[in-house]
Amino acid sequence: MAKHNLISYKIEDKRTCEICIQAKMTRKKAFPKVERNTNLLELLHSNICELNDILTRGGNRYFITFIDDYSKYTYVYLMKHKDQAW
């Protein structure tokens, strides 16, 4: 509209909002890029979790997950006690 002289516009009137500037900023990557393994079962991730005082039908309170880094295949094993992870 300013190009067609429909409104008057001065460059001095243009202000940039600090919040707008922060919203348009790009974030630094939180984690460096990691090379993934190229063979099955070369690297496994596992974790033991509790079901927060909720029991399954079989009376299991804990579960352990195994995740293959290459294929992302995941296996979940239910346990009644943490010492079953041995």
C-alpha atoms as a PDB file:
ATOM      1  CA  MET A   1       0.000   0.000   0.000  1.00  0.00           C
ATOM      2  CA  ALA A   2       2.906   2.320   0.680  1.00  0.00           C
ATOM      3  CA  LYS A   3       4.228   1.634  -2.832  1.00  0.00           C
ATOM      4  CA  HIS A   4       0.990   2.948  -4.339  1.00  0.00           C
ATOM      5  CA  ASN A   5       0.915   6.000  -2.028  1.00  0.00           C
ATOM      6  CA  LEU A   6      -2.271   4.828  -0.349  1.00  0.00           C
ATOM      7  CA  ILE A   7      -0.784   5.252   3.115  1.00  0.00           C
ATOM      8  CA  SER A   8       2.175   7.208   4.356  1.00  0.00           C
ATOM      9  CA  TYR A   9       4.969   5.134   5.767  1.00  0.00           C
ATOM     10  CA  LYS A  10       8.250   6.253   7.235  1.00  0.00           C
ATOM     11  CA  ILE A  11      11.154   3.943   7.844  1.00  0.00           C
ATOM     12  CA  GLU A  12      11.725   5.533  11.257  1.00  0.00           C
ATOM     13  CA  ASP A  13       8.289   4.280  12.354  1.00  0.00           C
ATOM     14  CA  LYS A  14       9.273   0.681  11.730  1.00  0.00           C
ATOM     15  CA  ARG A  15      10.144  -1.009  15.008  1.00  0.00           C
ATOM     16  CA  THR A  16      11.077  -4.623  15.508  1.00  0.00           C
ATOM     17  CA  CYS A  17       9.608  -6.389  18.456  1.00  0.00           C
ATOM     18  CA  GLU A  18      12.144  -8.301  20.569  1.00  0.00           C
ATOM     19  CA  ILE A  19       9.783 -11.263  20.922  1.00  0.00           C
ATOM     20  CA  CYS A  20       9.349 -11.414  17.120  1.00  0.00           C
ATOM     21  CA  ILE A  21      13.116 -11.530  16.682  1.00  0.00           C
ATOM     22  CA  GLN A  22      13.460 -14.335  19.239  1.00  0.00           C
ATOM     23  CA  ALA A  23      10.628 -16.301  17.619  1.00  0.00           C
ATOM     24  CA  LYS A  24      12.394 -16.231  14.246  1.00  0.00           C
ATOM     25  CA  MET A  25      15.772 -17.309  15.663  1.00  0.00           C
ATOM     26  CA  THR A  26      16.961 -20.774  14.788  1.00  0.00           C
ATOM     27  CA  ARG A  27      17.935 -23.051  17.632  1.00  0.00           C
ATOM     28  CA  LYS A  28      21.252 -24.768  17.933  1.00  0.00           C
ATOM     29  CA  LYS A  29      20.990 -28.496  17.570  1.00  0.00           C
ATOM     30  CA  ALA A  30      20.838 -30.043  21.024  1.00  0.00           C
ATOM     31  CA  PHE A  31      22.564 -33.267  20.049  1.00  0.00           C
ATOM     32  CA  PRO A  32      25.385 -33.874  17.608  1.00  0.00           C
ATOM     33  CA  LYS A  33      24.671 -36.089  14.619  1.00  0.00           C
ATOM     34  CA  VAL A  34      25.416 -39.704  15.467  1.00  0.00           C
ATOM     35  CA  GLU A  35      26.318 -42.419  13.026  1.00  0.00           C
ATOM     36  CA  ARG A  36      24.045 -45.415  13.402  1.00  0.00           C
ATOM     37  CA  ASN A  37      25.292 -48.972  13.388  1.00  0.00           C
ATOM     38  CA  THR A  38      25.116 -50.873  10.136  1.00  0.00           C
ATOM     39  CA  ASN A  39      24.739 -54.428  11.463  1.00  0.00           C
ATOM     40  CA  LEU A  40      21.909 -56.129  13.291  1.00  0.00           C
ATOM     41  CA  LEU A  41      22.413 -56.563  17.043  1.00  0.00           C
ATOM     42  CA  GLU A  42      25.670 -54.575  16.998  1.00  0.00           C
ATOM     43  CA  LEU A  43      24.256 -52.116  19.543  1.00  0.00           C
ATOM     44  CA  LEU A  44      21.264 -52.708  21.837  1.00  0.00           C
ATOM     45  CA  HIS A  45      19.557 -50.222  24.122  1.00  0.00           C
ATOM     46  CA  SER A  46      17.685 -51.441  27.178  1.00  0.00           C
ATOM     47  CA  ASN A  47      15.694 -49.858  29.976  1.00  0.00           C
ATOM     48  CA  ILE A  48      13.802 -51.120  33.030  1.00  0.00           C
ATOM     49  CA  CYS A  49      10.599 -49.289  33.963  1.00  0.00           C
ATOM     50  CA  GLU A  50       7.976 -49.596  36.695  1.00  0.00           C
ATOM     51  CA  LEU A  51       4.253 -49.482  35.947  1.00  0.00           C
ATOM     52  CA  ASN A  52       3.588 -47.054  38.862  1.00  0.00           C
ATOM     53  CA  ASP A  53       1.748 -49.358  41.263  1.00  0.00           C
ATOM     54  CA  ILE A  54      -0.343 -50.841  38.454  1.00  0.00           C
ATOM     55  CA  LEU A  55      -0.175 -54.587  38.002  1.00  0.00           C
ATOM     56  CA  THR A  56      -0.838 -56.429  34.773  1.00  0.00           C
ATOM     57  CA  ARG A  57      -3.223 -59.373  34.679  1.00  0.00           C
ATOM     58  CA  GLY A  58      -0.304 -61.697  35.331  1.00  0.00           C
ATOM     59  CA  GLY A  59       0.833 -59.667  38.356  1.00  0.00           C
ATOM     60  CA  ASN A  60       3.801 -58.002  36.615  1.00  0.00           C
ATOM     61  CA  ARG A  61       4.931 -54.643  37.951  1.00  0.00           C
ATOM     62  CA  TYR A  62       8.041 -53.982  35.813  1.00  0.00           C
ATOM     63  CA  PHE A  63       9.009 -54.225  32.156  1.00  0.00           C
ATOM     64  CA  ILE A  64      12.310 -54.163  30.331  1.00  0.00           C
ATOM     65  CA  THR A  65      12.739 -53.017  26.738  1.00  0.00           C
ATOM     66  CA  PHE A  66      15.411 -54.087  24.269  1.00  0.00           C
ATOM     67  CA  ILE A  67      15.841 -51.958  21.133  1.00  0.00           C
ATOM     68  CA  ASP A  68      18.170 -52.818  18.254  1.00  0.00           C
ATOM     69  CA  ASP A  69      19.901 -49.632  17.096  1.00  0.00           C
ATOM     70  CA  TYR A  70      20.062 -50.648  13.431  1.00  0.00           C
ATOM     71  CA  SER A  71      16.610 -52.112  12.762  1.00  0.00           C
ATOM     72  CA  LYS A  72      14.752 -50.349  15.624  1.00  0.00           C
ATOM     73  CA  TYR A  73      13.209 -53.747  16.447  1.00  0.00           C
ATOM     74  CA  THR A  74      11.825 -53.526  19.977  1.00  0.00           C
ATOM     75  CA  TYR A  75      11.076 -56.323  22.414  1.00  0.00           C
ATOM     76  CA  VAL A  76       9.281 -55.774  25.723  1.00  0.00           C
ATOM     77  CA  TYR A  77       9.602 -58.337  28.511  1.00  0.00           C
ATOM     78  CA  LEU A  78       7.279 -58.176  31.545  1.00  0.00           C
ATOM     79  CA  MET A  79       8.698 -58.925  35.034  1.00  0.00           C
ATOM     80  CA  LYS A  80       7.293 -59.292  38.523  1.00  0.00           C
ATOM     81  CA  HIS A  81      10.569 -58.240  40.200  1.00  0.00           C
ATOM     82  CA  LYS A  82      13.545 -56.196  39.013  1.00  0.00           C
ATOM     83  CA  ASP A  83      15.954 -59.012  39.838  1.00  0.00           C
ATOM     84  CA  GLN A  84      14.458 -61.009  36.957  1.00  0.00           C
ATOM     85  CA  ALA A  85      16.471 -58.766  34.591  1.00  0.00           C
ATOM     86  CA  TRP A  86      19.590 -60.817  35.334  1.00  0.00           C
END
